[in-house]
Protein backbone atom coordinates (compact mmCIF):
# COMPACT_ATOMS: atom_id res chain seq x y z
CA MET A 1 69.30 129.30 87.50
CA THR A 2 72.01 128.41 85.00
CA THR A 3 75.52 127.34 85.75
CA ALA A 4 78.58 127.83 83.65
CA PRO A 5 80.50 124.71 82.62
CA LEU A 6 83.68 124.00 84.56
CA SER A 7 86.84 125.25 82.95
CA PRO A 8 89.25 122.49 81.86
CA ALA A 9 91.52 123.37 84.80
CA ALA A 10 88.60 122.96 87.25
CA GLN A 11 87.53 119.55 85.91
CA PRO A 12 88.52 116.55 88.03
CA ALA A 13 91.55 114.68 86.69
CA ARG A 14 90.65 111.60 84.71
CA PRO A 15 91.85 108.43 86.47
CA VAL A 16 94.76 106.61 84.88
CA PRO A 17 95.95 102.99 85.27
CA GLN A 18 98.37 102.50 88.14
CA PRO A 19 101.55 100.39 88.06
CA ARG A 20 102.09 97.35 90.27
CA SER A 21 104.49 99.36 92.44
CA ALA A 22 101.54 101.43 93.68
CA TYR A 23 100.20 98.45 95.65
CA HIS A 24 101.60 96.67 98.71
CA ALA A 25 100.04 93.18 98.65
CA PHE A 26 98.82 90.94 95.83
CA ARG A 27 96.39 88.07 95.46
CA SER A 28 95.76 85.91 92.37
CA ILE A 29 92.15 85.31 91.40
CA SER A 30 91.04 82.87 88.71
CA THR A 31 88.36 84.08 86.36
CA ARG A 32 85.42 81.75 85.78
CA TRP A 33 83.43 80.98 82.64
CA MET A 34 80.37 82.64 84.19
CA ASP A 35 82.29 85.92 84.78
CA ASN A 36 82.15 86.78 81.05
CA ASP A 37 79.11 88.61 79.78
CA VAL A 38 77.55 88.59 76.32
CA TYR A 39 80.16 91.10 75.14
CA GLY A 40 82.98 88.61 75.76
CA HIS A 41 84.62 90.22 78.78
CA VAL A 42 84.16 90.11 82.54
CA ASN A 43 81.00 91.92 83.59
CA ASN A 44 81.50 95.04 85.70
CA VAL A 45 79.75 93.65 88.79
CA VAL A 46 82.36 90.89 89.09
CA TYR A 47 85.10 93.46 89.71
CA TYR A 48 83.44 94.46 92.99
CA SER A 49 83.41 90.85 94.18
CA TRP A 50 87.13 90.66 93.41
CA PHE A 51 87.72 93.74 95.58
CA ASP A 52 85.98 92.01 98.50
CA THR A 53 87.75 88.72 97.85
CA ALA A 54 91.22 90.26 97.70
CA VAL A 55 90.91 92.41 100.82
CA ASN A 56 89.01 89.97 103.03
CA ALA A 57 91.20 86.99 102.06
CA HIS A 58 94.28 89.05 102.94
CA LEU A 59 92.83 89.97 106.34
CA ILE A 60 91.79 86.37 107.07
CA GLU A 61 95.26 85.08 106.10
CA GLN A 62 96.84 87.67 108.40
CA GLY A 63 94.68 86.39 111.27
CA VAL A 64 92.83 89.66 111.88
CA LEU A 65 89.40 88.86 110.44
CA ASP A 66 87.13 86.13 111.75
CA ILE A 67 84.10 86.18 109.45
CA HIS A 68 82.17 83.66 111.56
CA ALA A 69 82.70 84.66 115.19
CA GLY A 70 84.63 87.94 115.30
CA ASP A 71 83.16 90.72 117.43
CA THR A 72 84.07 93.36 114.82
CA ILE A 73 83.02 93.31 111.17
CA GLY A 74 83.49 95.73 108.27
CA LEU A 75 80.46 97.10 106.45
CA VAL A 76 80.90 98.69 103.02
CA ILE A 77 79.60 102.27 102.90
CA GLU A 78 81.09 103.39 99.57
CA THR A 79 82.52 101.76 96.48
CA GLN A 80 83.72 102.88 93.06
CA CYS A 81 85.64 101.48 90.07
CA ASN A 82 87.35 102.81 86.93
CA TYR A 83 87.92 100.48 83.98
CA PHE A 84 90.92 100.82 81.67
CA ALA A 85 91.23 97.51 79.77
CA PRO A 86 89.02 94.42 79.48
CA LEU A 87 89.59 91.21 81.42
CA ALA A 88 88.09 87.90 80.31
CA PHE A 89 87.92 84.19 81.10
CA PRO A 90 90.33 82.29 81.13
CA GLN A 91 92.71 85.00 82.41
CA THR A 92 94.18 85.05 85.90
CA VAL A 93 93.68 88.37 87.65
CA GLU A 94 96.21 89.72 90.14
CA ALA A 95 94.62 92.07 92.68
CA GLY A 96 96.89 94.68 94.23
CA ILE A 97 95.81 96.06 97.60
CA ARG A 98 96.67 99.24 99.44
CA VAL A 99 95.14 101.41 102.17
CA ALA A 100 94.64 105.06 101.24
CA ARG A 101 93.15 106.15 104.56
CA LEU A 102 93.11 104.52 107.98
CA GLY A 103 90.73 106.32 110.30
CA GLY A 104 89.44 105.64 113.78
CA SER A 105 86.67 103.26 112.70
CA SER A 106 86.96 103.28 108.91
CA VAL A 107 89.38 102.23 106.20
CA ARG A 108 89.58 103.20 102.54
CA TYR A 109 90.92 100.21 100.61
CA GLU A 110 92.14 100.69 97.06
CA VAL A 111 92.45 97.74 94.72
CA GLY A 112 94.10 97.50 91.30
CA LEU A 113 93.13 94.56 89.10
CA PHE A 114 95.87 93.41 86.73
CA ALA A 115 95.85 90.84 83.95
CA GLN A 116 98.51 88.33 84.97
CA GLY A 117 101.96 89.75 84.28
CA GLU A 118 100.74 93.13 82.96
CA PRO A 119 102.51 96.23 84.31
CA LEU A 120 99.41 98.49 84.55
CA CYS A 121 96.04 97.75 86.11
CA ALA A 122 93.05 96.97 83.92
CA ALA A 123 90.77 98.44 86.58
CA ALA A 124 91.20 100.36 89.80
CA GLY A 125 88.72 101.09 92.51
CA HIS A 126 88.11 101.57 96.16
CA PHE A 127 85.73 100.72 98.92
CA ILE A 128 85.34 102.03 102.42
CA HIS A 129 84.69 99.74 105.37
CA VAL A 130 83.30 101.11 108.61
CA TYR A 131 84.13 98.69 111.37
CA VAL A 132 81.19 97.93 113.62
CA ASP A 133 80.23 95.70 116.52
CA ARG A 134 78.72 92.54 115.03
CA ALA A 135 75.73 92.56 117.42
CA THR A 136 74.85 96.27 117.61
CA ARG A 137 76.07 97.37 114.16
CA ARG A 138 77.43 100.52 115.81
CA PRO A 139 80.88 101.84 114.79
CA VAL A 140 83.84 100.77 116.90
CA PRO A 141 87.53 101.63 116.75
CA VAL A 142 89.56 99.52 114.32
CA PRO A 143 90.98 96.74 116.54
CA GLU A 144 94.72 97.12 117.24
CA ALA A 145 95.74 93.82 115.58
CA LEU A 146 93.79 94.78 112.45
CA ARG A 147 95.23 98.31 112.55
CA ALA A 148 98.78 96.90 112.58
CA VAL A 149 98.10 94.79 109.47
CA LEU A 150 96.43 97.72 107.70
CA GLN A 151 99.27 100.07 108.58
CA ALA A 152 101.60 97.91 106.47
CA LEU A 153 99.32 98.57 103.46
CA VAL A 154 99.08 102.35 103.87
CA VAL A 155 100.33 104.44 100.95
CA VAL A 156 102.00 107.73 101.62
CA ALA A 157 100.62 110.49 99.42
């Protein structure tokens, strides 16, 4: 069986860098010497740790995530990143956070990573948390206090 290539109109749109105004909360993250790879820029795997750091630090600071004793925890079920410009040590990265979808037990976080002071993101990605009971690992509704904090980050399409 052969398939015809997609027409240009049917191809998915190529992602483009987003401006700072597309995000609702920001967190500064210092790059480290070890973040650079042999090509002289931050290695791609580091970007994913910055996504986790930005979102979870925001939730902890808002008092809605207890990583040590909370009954509800978020497990990542999907993640993705697009890269637009290199970042490198010793830059400071500013992570913009927004919520693209707030479901019953899941949240799609979107994060833009900006070189300090730059108007467009150097990388943009997302990850989806499913909130589960810490003991059973079964999905649970997003707790109301957490939902209220997340609602403030929701973008309207």
